[in-house]
Amino acid sequence: FLRGTAKQQRNVMDALKNIGNILMIPIVCAGLKESEL
């Protein structure tokens, strides 16, 4: 997801947050060290 613009990154992560909120489930992400950005 870091390949996208800052706006695209926020949109994708907001979408993941919404999935977690609506379904009330935990989201687990995995990636390289730069994923923290």
PDB file of all heavy atoms in Angstrom:
ATOM      1  N   PHE A   1       0.813  -1.211   0.000  1.00  0.00           N
ATOM      2  CA  PHE A   1       0.000   0.000   0.000  1.00  0.00           C
ATOM      3  C   PHE A   1       0.851   1.268   0.000  1.00  0.00           C
ATOM      4  O   PHE A   1       0.358   2.356  -0.320  1.00  0.00           O
ATOM      5  CB  PHE A   1      -0.947   0.020   1.212  1.00  0.00           C
ATOM      6  CG  PHE A   1      -2.010  -1.052   1.176  1.00  0.00           C
ATOM      7  CD1 PHE A   1      -2.522  -1.587   2.344  1.00  0.00           C
ATOM      8  CD2 PHE A   1      -2.490  -1.545  -0.032  1.00  0.00           C
ATOM      9  CE1 PHE A   1      -3.509  -2.568   2.311  1.00  0.00           C
ATOM     10  CE2 PHE A   1      -3.466  -2.528  -0.078  1.00  0.00           C
ATOM     11  CZ  PHE A   1      -3.977  -3.041   1.096  1.00  0.00           C
ATOM     12  N   LEU A   2       2.117   1.142   0.369  1.00  0.00           N
ATOM     13  CA  LEU A   2       3.000   2.304   0.368  1.00  0.00           C
ATOM     14  C   LEU A   2       3.269   2.820  -1.043  1.00  0.00           C
ATOM     15  O   LEU A   2       3.774   3.930  -1.222  1.00  0.00           O
ATOM     16  CB  LEU A   2       4.331   1.962   1.053  1.00  0.00           C
ATOM     17  CG  LEU A   2       4.281   1.789   2.573  1.00  0.00           C
ATOM     18  CD1 LEU A   2       5.581   1.208   3.089  1.00  0.00           C
ATOM     19  CD2 LEU A   2       3.980   3.108   3.258  1.00  0.00           C
ATOM     20  N   ARG A   3       2.929   2.005  -2.054  1.00  0.00           N
ATOM     21  CA  ARG A   3       3.131   2.441  -3.433  1.00  0.00           C
ATOM     22  C   ARG A   3       2.119   3.506  -3.851  1.00  0.00           C
ATOM     23  O   ARG A   3       2.279   4.165  -4.870  1.00  0.00           O
ATOM     24  CB  ARG A   3       3.027   1.240  -4.378  1.00  0.00           C
ATOM     25  CG  ARG A   3       4.113   0.202  -4.139  1.00  0.00           C
ATOM     26  CD  ARG A   3       3.872  -1.056  -4.933  1.00  0.00           C
ATOM     27  NE  ARG A   3       4.882  -2.068  -4.628  1.00  0.00           N
ATOM     28  CZ  ARG A   3       4.841  -3.306  -5.080  1.00  0.00           C
ATOM     29  NH1 ARG A   3       3.857  -3.699  -5.854  1.00  0.00           N
ATOM     30  NH2 ARG A   3       5.793  -4.165  -4.761  1.00  0.00           N
ATOM     31  N   GLY A   4       1.048   3.627  -3.082  1.00  0.00           N
ATOM     32  CA  GLY A   4       0.030   4.625  -3.390  1.00  0.00           C
ATOM     33  C   GLY A   4       0.377   5.978  -2.809  1.00  0.00           C
ATOM     34  O   GLY A   4       1.346   6.147  -2.059  1.00  0.00           O
ATOM     35  N   THR A   5      -0.423   6.958  -3.154  1.00  0.00           N
ATOM     36  CA  THR A   5      -0.242   8.301  -2.602  1.00  0.00           C
ATOM     37  C   THR A   5      -0.639   8.291  -1.122  1.00  0.00           C
ATOM     38  O   THR A   5      -1.256   7.336  -0.634  1.00  0.00           O
ATOM     39  CB  THR A   5      -1.111   9.315  -3.343  1.00  0.00           C
ATOM     40  OG1 THR A   5      -2.498   8.970  -3.146  1.00  0.00           O
ATOM     41  CG2 THR A   5      -0.805   9.304  -4.842  1.00  0.00           C
ATOM     42  N   ALA A   6      -0.309   9.364  -0.432  1.00  0.00           N
ATOM     43  CA  ALA A   6      -0.673   9.468   0.988  1.00  0.00           C
ATOM     44  C   ALA A   6      -2.190   9.361   1.156  1.00  0.00           C
ATOM     45  O   ALA A   6      -2.678   8.717   2.085  1.00  0.00           O
ATOM     46  CB  ALA A   6      -0.160  10.786   1.558  1.00  0.00           C
ATOM     47  N   LYS A   7      -2.938   9.966   0.233  1.00  0.00           N
ATOM     48  CA  LYS A   7      -4.400   9.910   0.303  1.00  0.00           C
ATOM     49  C   LYS A   7      -4.906   8.489   0.103  1.00  0.00           C
ATOM     50  O   LYS A   7      -5.807   8.023   0.815  1.00  0.00           O
ATOM     51  CB  LYS A   7      -5.015  10.847  -0.741  1.00  0.00           C
ATOM     52  CG  LYS A   7      -6.538  10.889  -0.687  1.00  0.00           C
ATOM     53  CD  LYS A   7      -7.112  11.837  -1.721  1.00  0.00           C
ATOM     54  CE  LYS A   7      -8.634  11.847  -1.653  1.00  0.00           C
ATOM     55  NZ  LYS A   7      -9.226  12.759  -2.663  1.00  0.00           N
ATOM     56  N   GLN A   8      -4.331   7.785  -0.893  1.00  0.00           N
ATOM     57  CA  GLN A   8      -4.739   6.399  -1.144  1.00  0.00           C
ATOM     58  C   GLN A   8      -4.442   5.513   0.063  1.00  0.00           C
ATOM     59  O   GLN A   8      -5.248   4.659   0.436  1.00  0.00           O
ATOM     60  CB  GLN A   8      -4.013   5.863  -2.386  1.00  0.00           C
ATOM     61  CG  GLN A   8      -4.546   6.412  -3.698  1.00  0.00           C
ATOM     62  CD  GLN A   8      -3.710   5.939  -4.885  1.00  0.00           C
ATOM     63  OE1 GLN A   8      -2.475   5.898  -4.815  1.00  0.00           O
ATOM     64  NE2 GLN A   8      -4.378   5.598  -5.971  1.00  0.00           N
ATOM     65  N   GLN A   9      -3.280   5.724   0.690  1.00  0.00           N
ATOM     66  CA  GLN A   9      -2.926   4.947   1.877  1.00  0.00           C
ATOM     67  C   GLN A   9      -3.938   5.172   2.994  1.00  0.00           C
ATOM     68  O   GLN A   9      -4.383   4.209   3.639  1.00  0.00           O
ATOM     69  CB  GLN A   9      -1.531   5.327   2.360  1.00  0.00           C
ATOM     70  CG  GLN A   9      -0.396   4.891   1.447  1.00  0.00           C
ATOM     71  CD  GLN A   9       0.944   5.400   1.939  1.00  0.00           C
ATOM     72  OE1 GLN A   9       1.199   5.459   3.134  1.00  0.00           O
ATOM     73  NE2 GLN A   9       1.804   5.790   1.015  1.00  0.00           N
ATOM     74  N   ARG A  10      -4.313   6.431   3.217  1.00  0.00           N
ATOM     75  CA  ARG A  10      -5.291   6.745   4.267  1.00  0.00           C
ATOM     76  C   ARG A  10      -6.641   6.100   3.959  1.00  0.00           C
ATOM     77  O   ARG A  10      -7.301   5.558   4.849  1.00  0.00           O
ATOM     78  CB  ARG A  10      -5.445   8.264   4.413  1.00  0.00           C
ATOM     79  CG  ARG A  10      -4.312   8.940   5.152  1.00  0.00           C
ATOM     80  CD  ARG A  10      -4.698  10.345   5.591  1.00  0.00           C
ATOM     81  NE  ARG A  10      -5.056  11.196   4.458  1.00  0.00           N
ATOM     82  CZ  ARG A  10      -4.182  11.908   3.750  1.00  0.00           C
ATOM     83  NH1 ARG A  10      -2.896  11.881   4.070  1.00  0.00           N
ATOM     84  NH2 ARG A  10      -4.592  12.651   2.750  1.00  0.00           N
ATOM     85  N   ASN A  11      -7.037   6.164   2.679  1.00  0.00           N
ATOM     86  CA  ASN A  11      -8.333   5.591   2.286  1.00  0.00           C
ATOM     87  C   ASN A  11      -8.368   4.083   2.518  1.00  0.00           C
ATOM     88  O   ASN A  11      -9.363   3.537   3.006  1.00  0.00           O
ATOM     89  CB  ASN A  11      -8.628   5.899   0.818  1.00  0.00           C
ATOM     90  CG  ASN A  11      -8.956   7.355   0.585  1.00  0.00           C
ATOM     91  OD1 ASN A  11      -9.283   8.085   1.515  1.00  0.00           O
ATOM     92  ND2 ASN A  11      -8.870   7.786  -0.671  1.00  0.00           N
ATOM     93  N   VAL A  12      -7.271   3.420   2.158  1.00  0.00           N
ATOM     94  CA  VAL A  12      -7.207   1.962   2.323  1.00  0.00           C
ATOM     95  C   VAL A  12      -7.241   1.598   3.801  1.00  0.00           C
ATOM     96  O   VAL A  12      -7.979   0.685   4.222  1.00  0.00           O
ATOM     97  CB  VAL A  12      -5.945   1.389   1.642  1.00  0.00           C
ATOM     98  CG1 VAL A  12      -5.702  -0.050   2.075  1.00  0.00           C
ATOM     99  CG2 VAL A  12      -6.077   1.436   0.118  1.00  0.00           C
ATOM    100  N   MET A  13      -6.469   2.304   4.602  1.00  0.00           N
ATOM    101  CA  MET A  13      -6.429   1.992   6.021  1.00  0.00           C
ATOM    102  C   MET A  13      -7.753   2.354   6.696  1.00  0.00           C
ATOM    103  O   MET A  13      -8.196   1.671   7.619  1.00  0.00           O
ATOM    104  CB  MET A  13      -5.262   2.711   6.699  1.00  0.00           C
ATOM    105  CG  MET A  13      -3.883   2.246   6.211  1.00  0.00           C
ATOM    106  SD  MET A  13      -3.631   0.453   6.309  1.00  0.00           S
ATOM    107  CE  MET A  13      -3.563   0.203   8.085  1.00  0.00           C
ATOM    108  N   ASP A  14      -8.402   3.422   6.237  1.00  0.00           N
ATOM    109  CA  ASP A  14      -9.732   3.753   6.760  1.00  0.00           C
ATOM    110  C   ASP A  14     -10.728   2.644   6.418  1.00  0.00           C
ATOM    111  O   ASP A  14     -11.603   2.317   7.232  1.00  0.00           O
ATOM    112  CB  ASP A  14     -10.220   5.082   6.171  1.00  0.00           C
ATOM    113  CG  ASP A  14      -9.615   6.288   6.859  1.00  0.00           C
ATOM    114  OD1 ASP A  14      -9.081   6.126   7.981  1.00  0.00           O
ATOM    115  OD2 ASP A  14      -9.655   7.393   6.274  1.00  0.00           O
ATOM    116  N   ALA A  15     -10.594   2.088   5.209  1.00  0.00           N
ATOM    117  CA  ALA A  15     -11.483   0.994   4.809  1.00  0.00           C
ATOM    118  C   ALA A  15     -11.278  -0.217   5.703  1.00  0.00           C
ATOM    119  O   ALA A  15     -12.245  -0.870   6.123  1.00  0.00           O
ATOM    120  CB  ALA A  15     -11.230   0.626   3.342  1.00  0.00           C
ATOM    121  N   LEU A  16     -10.035  -0.518   6.025  1.00  0.00           N
ATOM    122  CA  LEU A  16      -9.754  -1.633   6.933  1.00  0.00           C
ATOM    123  C   LEU A  16     -10.326  -1.353   8.320  1.00  0.00           C
ATOM    124  O   LEU A  16     -10.907  -2.234   8.961  1.00  0.00           O
ATOM    125  CB  LEU A  16      -8.237  -1.869   7.036  1.00  0.00           C
ATOM    126  CG  LEU A  16      -7.580  -2.697   5.929  1.00  0.00           C
ATOM    127  CD1 LEU A  16      -6.075  -2.750   6.148  1.00  0.00           C
ATOM    128  CD2 LEU A  16      -8.154  -4.103   5.885  1.00  0.00           C
ATOM    129  N   LYS A  17     -10.167  -0.104   8.762  1.00  0.00           N
ATOM    130  CA  LYS A  17     -10.700   0.285  10.084  1.00  0.00           C
ATOM    131  C   LYS A  17     -12.216   0.115  10.108  1.00  0.00           C
ATOM    132  O   LYS A  17     -12.785  -0.374  11.098  1.00  0.00           O
ATOM    133  CB  LYS A  17     -10.303   1.732  10.375  1.00  0.00           C
ATOM    134  CG  LYS A  17     -10.712   2.229  11.747  1.00  0.00           C
ATOM    135  CD  LYS A  17     -10.108   3.605  12.024  1.00  0.00           C
ATOM    136  CE  LYS A  17     -10.678   4.657  11.094  1.00  0.00           C
ATOM    137  NZ  LYS A  17     -10.171   6.020  11.399  1.00  0.00           N
ATOM    138  N   ASN A  18     -12.874   0.485   9.006  1.00  0.00           N
ATOM    139  CA  ASN A  18     -14.328   0.358   8.935  1.00  0.00           C
ATOM    140  C   ASN A  18     -14.773  -1.100   8.940  1.00  0.00           C
ATOM    141  O   ASN A  18     -15.800  -1.441   9.536  1.00  0.00           O
ATOM    142  CB  ASN A  18     -14.856   1.057   7.679  1.00  0.00           C
ATOM    143  CG  ASN A  18     -14.786   2.558   7.783  1.00  0.00           C
ATOM    144  OD1 ASN A  18     -14.755   3.112   8.888  1.00  0.00           O
ATOM    145  ND2 ASN A  18     -14.722   3.246   6.647  1.00  0.00           N
ATOM    146  N   ILE A  19     -14.007  -1.968   8.263  1.00  0.00           N
ATOM    147  CA  ILE A  19     -14.336  -3.401   8.287  1.00  0.00           C
ATOM    148  C   ILE A  19     -14.311  -3.896   9.734  1.00  0.00           C
ATOM    149  O   ILE A  19     -15.207  -4.605  10.192  1.00  0.00           O
ATOM    150  CB  ILE A  19     -13.353  -4.204   7.422  1.00  0.00           C
ATOM    151  CG1 ILE A  19     -13.544  -3.880   5.939  1.00  0.00           C
ATOM    152  CG2 ILE A  19     -13.536  -5.716   7.643  1.00  0.00           C
ATOM    153  CD1 ILE A  19     -12.489  -4.485   5.024  1.00  0.00           C
ATOM    154  N   GLY A  20     -13.256  -3.512  10.450  1.00  0.00           N
ATOM    155  CA  GLY A  20     -13.141  -3.916  11.852  1.00  0.00           C
ATOM    156  C   GLY A  20     -14.264  -3.377  12.704  1.00  0.00           C
ATOM    157  O   GLY A  20     -14.809  -4.075  13.563  1.00  0.00           O
ATOM    158  N   ASN A  21     -14.635  -2.104  12.460  1.00  0.00           N
ATOM    159  CA  ASN A  21     -15.695  -1.473  13.248  1.00  0.00           C
ATOM    160  C   ASN A  21     -17.059  -2.111  12.994  1.00  0.00           C
ATOM    161  O   ASN A  21     -17.811  -2.394  13.917  1.00  0.00           O
ATOM    162  CB  ASN A  21     -15.781   0.021  12.922  1.00  0.00           C
ATOM    163  CG  ASN A  21     -14.627   0.803  13.518  1.00  0.00           C
ATOM    164  OD1 ASN A  21     -13.914   0.297  14.371  1.00  0.00           O
ATOM    165  ND2 ASN A  21     -14.438   2.021  13.066  1.00  0.00           N
ATOM    166  N   ILE A  22     -17.378  -2.321  11.722  1.00  0.00           N
ATOM    167  CA  ILE A  22     -18.703  -2.832  11.354  1.00  0.00           C
ATOM    168  C   ILE A  22     -18.885  -4.283  11.794  1.00  0.00           C
ATOM    169  O   ILE A  22     -19.919  -4.661  12.351  1.00  0.00           O
ATOM    170  CB  ILE A  22     -18.932  -2.677   9.834  1.00  0.00           C
ATOM    171  CG1 ILE A  22     -19.030  -1.193   9.463  1.00  0.00           C
ATOM    172  CG2 ILE A  22     -20.194  -3.423   9.388  1.00  0.00           C
ATOM    173  CD1 ILE A  22     -18.980  -0.916   7.977  1.00  0.00           C
ATOM    174  N   LEU A  23     -17.861  -5.098  11.549  1.00  0.00           N
ATOM    175  CA  LEU A  23     -17.962  -6.518  11.898  1.00  0.00           C
ATOM    176  C   LEU A  23     -17.515  -6.795  13.326  1.00  0.00           C
ATOM    177  O   LEU A  23     -17.718  -7.897  13.828  1.00  0.00           O
ATOM    178  CB  LEU A  23     -17.122  -7.354  10.927  1.00  0.00           C
ATOM    179  CG  LEU A  23     -17.524  -7.281   9.446  1.00  0.00           C
ATOM    180  CD1 LEU A  23     -16.598  -8.143   8.606  1.00  0.00           C
ATOM    181  CD2 LEU A  23     -18.966  -7.700   9.243  1.00  0.00           C
ATOM    182  N   MET A  24     -16.883  -5.799  13.951  1.00  0.00           N
ATOM    183  CA  MET A  24     -16.347  -5.954  15.318  1.00  0.00           C
ATOM    184  C   MET A  24     -15.377  -7.128  15.398  1.00  0.00           C
ATOM    185  O   MET A  24     -15.508  -8.027  16.228  1.00  0.00           O
ATOM    186  CB  MET A  24     -17.485  -6.093  16.329  1.00  0.00           C
ATOM    187  CG  MET A  24     -18.300  -4.821  16.473  1.00  0.00           C
ATOM    188  SD  MET A  24     -19.513  -4.863  17.811  1.00  0.00           S
ATOM    189  CE  MET A  24     -20.760  -5.947  17.090  1.00  0.00           C
ATOM    190  N   ILE A  25     -14.401  -7.121  14.481  1.00  0.00           N
ATOM    191  CA  ILE A  25     -13.355  -8.146  14.441  1.00  0.00           C
ATOM    192  C   ILE A  25     -11.991  -7.468  14.435  1.00  0.00           C
ATOM    193  O   ILE A  25     -11.850  -6.330  13.975  1.00  0.00           O
ATOM    194  CB  ILE A  25     -13.478  -9.055  13.191  1.00  0.00           C
ATOM    195  CG1 ILE A  25     -13.329  -8.236  11.900  1.00  0.00           C
ATOM    196  CG2 ILE A  25     -14.794  -9.830  13.217  1.00  0.00           C
ATOM    197  CD1 ILE A  25     -13.263  -9.089  10.638  1.00  0.00           C
ATOM    198  N   PRO A  26     -10.955  -8.143  14.940  1.00  0.00           N
ATOM    199  CA  PRO A  26      -9.600  -7.578  14.873  1.00  0.00           C
ATOM    200  C   PRO A  26      -9.021  -7.708  13.467  1.00  0.00           C
ATOM    201  O   PRO A  26      -9.291  -8.675  12.755  1.00  0.00           O
ATOM    202  CB  PRO A  26      -8.809  -8.429  15.869  1.00  0.00           C
ATOM    203  CG  PRO A  26      -9.555  -9.720  15.947  1.00  0.00           C
ATOM    204  CD  PRO A  26     -10.990  -9.410  15.700  1.00  0.00           C
ATOM    205  N   ILE A  27      -8.245  -6.705  13.086  1.00  0.00           N
ATOM    206  CA  ILE A  27      -7.518  -6.718  11.813  1.00  0.00           C
ATOM    207  C   ILE A  27      -6.040  -6.930  12.118  1.00  0.00           C
ATOM    208  O   ILE A  27      -5.473  -6.251  12.984  1.00  0.00           O
ATOM    209  CB  ILE A  27      -7.695  -5.386  11.057  1.00  0.00           C
ATOM    210  CG1 ILE A  27      -9.179  -5.030  10.895  1.00  0.00           C
ATOM    211  CG2 ILE A  27      -6.986  -5.445   9.711  1.00  0.00           C
ATOM    212  CD1 ILE A  27      -9.965  -5.950  10.004  1.00  0.00           C
ATOM    213  N   VAL A  28      -5.424  -7.867  11.419  1.00  0.00           N
ATOM    214  CA  VAL A  28      -3.986  -8.120  11.565  1.00  0.00           C
ATOM    215  C   VAL A  28      -3.327  -7.832  10.224  1.00  0.00           C
ATOM    216  O   VAL A  28      -3.755  -8.347   9.184  1.00  0.00           O
ATOM    217  CB  VAL A  28      -3.707  -9.572  11.992  1.00  0.00           C
ATOM    218  CG1 VAL A  28      -2.199  -9.846  12.025  1.00  0.00           C
ATOM    219  CG2 VAL A  28      -4.329  -9.860  13.355  1.00  0.00           C
ATOM    220  N   CYS A  29      -2.313  -6.992  10.227  1.00  0.00           N
ATOM    221  CA  CYS A  29      -1.557  -6.691   9.008  1.00  0.00           C
ATOM    222  C   CYS A  29      -0.118  -7.170   9.193  1.00  0.00           C
ATOM    223  O   CYS A  29       0.406  -7.171  10.306  1.00  0.00           O
ATOM    224  CB  CYS A  29      -1.563  -5.191   8.717  1.00  0.00           C
ATOM    225  SG  CYS A  29      -3.209  -4.515   8.427  1.00  0.00           S
ATOM    226  N   ALA A  30       0.494  -7.584   8.090  1.00  0.00           N
ATOM    227  CA  ALA A  30       1.886  -8.040   8.149  1.00  0.00           C
ATOM    228  C   ALA A  30       2.639  -7.497   6.946  1.00  0.00           C
ATOM    229  O   ALA A  30       2.098  -7.427   5.836  1.00  0.00           O
ATOM    230  CB  ALA A  30       1.956  -9.564   8.166  1.00  0.00           C
ATOM    231  N   GLY A  31       3.874  -7.092   7.174  1.00  0.00           N
ATOM    232  CA  GLY A  31       4.658  -6.558   6.070  1.00  0.00           C
ATOM    233  C   GLY A  31       6.084  -6.239   6.477  1.00  0.00           C
ATOM    234  O   GLY A  31       6.513  -6.534   7.595  1.00  0.00           O
ATOM    235  N   LEU A  32       6.805  -5.625   5.563  1.00  0.00           N
ATOM    236  CA  LEU A  32       8.188  -5.247   5.815  1.00  0.00           C
ATOM    237  C   LEU A  32       8.261  -4.115   6.843  1.00  0.00           C
ATOM    238  O   LEU A  32       7.247  -3.508   7.192  1.00  0.00           O
ATOM    239  CB  LEU A  32       8.852  -4.811   4.509  1.00  0.00           C
ATOM    240  CG  LEU A  32       8.926  -5.878   3.402  1.00  0.00           C
ATOM    241  CD1 LEU A  32       9.577  -5.298   2.145  1.00  0.00           C
ATOM    242  CD2 LEU A  32       9.684  -7.111   3.877  1.00  0.00           C
ATOM    243  N   LYS A  33       9.478  -3.842   7.288  1.00  0.00           N
ATOM    244  CA  LYS A  33       9.659  -2.870   8.369  1.00  0.00           C
ATOM    245  C   LYS A  33       9.070  -1.494   8.057  1.00  0.00           C
ATOM    246  O   LYS A  33       8.552  -0.814   8.933  1.00  0.00           O
ATOM    247  CB  LYS A  33      11.156  -2.741   8.697  1.00  0.00           C
ATOM    248  CG  LYS A  33      11.743  -3.962   9.381  1.00  0.00           C
ATOM    249  CD  LYS A  33      13.195  -3.772   9.754  1.00  0.00           C
ATOM    250  CE  LYS A  33      14.115  -3.844   8.546  1.00  0.00           C
ATOM    251  NZ  LYS A  33      15.546  -3.803   8.938  1.00  0.00           N
ATOM    252  N   GLU A  34       9.119  -1.117   6.769  1.00  0.00           N
ATOM    253  CA  GLU A  34       8.607   0.204   6.397  1.00  0.00           C
ATOM    254  C   GLU A  34       7.085   0.304   6.489  1.00  0.00           C
ATOM    255  O   GLU A  34       6.515   1.400   6.376  1.00  0.00           O
ATOM    256  CB  GLU A  34       9.070   0.594   4.988  1.00  0.00           C
ATOM    257  CG  GLU A  34       8.752  -0.416   3.910  1.00  0.00           C
ATOM    258  CD  GLU A  34       9.912  -1.381   3.639  1.00  0.00           C
ATOM    259  OE1 GLU A  34      10.659  -1.690   4.591  1.00  0.00           O
ATOM    260  OE2 GLU A  34      10.037  -1.807   2.485  1.00  0.00           O
ATOM    261  N   SER A  35       6.419  -0.820   6.702  1.00  0.00           N
ATOM    262  CA  SER A  35       4.956  -0.803   6.831  1.00  0.00           C
ATOM    263  C   SER A  35       4.499   0.087   7.972  1.00  0.00           C
ATOM    264  O   SER A  35       3.370   0.595   7.972  1.00  0.00           O
ATOM    265  CB  SER A  35       4.430  -2.224   7.069  1.00  0.00           C
ATOM    266  OG  SER A  35       4.803  -3.088   6.022  1.00  0.00           O
ATOM    267  N   GLU A  36       5.367   0.302   8.941  1.00  0.00           N
ATOM    268  CA  GLU A  36       5.026   1.144  10.091  1.00  0.00           C
ATOM    269  C   GLU A  36       4.698   2.573   9.656  1.00  0.00           C
ATOM    270  O   GLU A  36       3.955   3.291  10.339  1.00  0.00           O
ATOM    271  CB  GLU A  36       6.182   1.139  11.089  1.00  0.00           C
ATOM    272  CG  GLU A  36       5.854   1.732  12.431  1.00  0.00           C
ATOM    273  CD  GLU A  36       6.991   1.542  13.432  1.00  0.00           C
ATOM    274  OE1 GLU A  36       7.987   0.853  13.121  1.00  0.00           O
ATOM    275  OE2 GLU A  36       6.871   2.102  14.541  1.00  0.00           O
ATOM    276  N   LEU A  37       5.236   2.969   8.496  1.00  0.00           N
ATOM    277  CA  LEU A  37       4.986   4.323   7.992  1.00  0.00           C
ATOM    278  C   LEU A  37       3.510   4.553   7.700  1.00  0.00           C
ATOM    279  O   LEU A  37       3.027   5.691   7.751  1.00  0.00           O
ATOM    280  CB  LEU A  37       5.807   4.567   6.709  1.00  0.00           C
ATOM    281  CG  LEU A  37       7.329   4.591   6.855  1.00  0.00           C
ATOM    282  CD1 LEU A  37       7.995   4.636   5.490  1.00  0.00           C
ATOM    283  CD2 LEU A  37       7.765   5.768   7.715  1.00  0.00           C
TER     284      LEU A  37
END
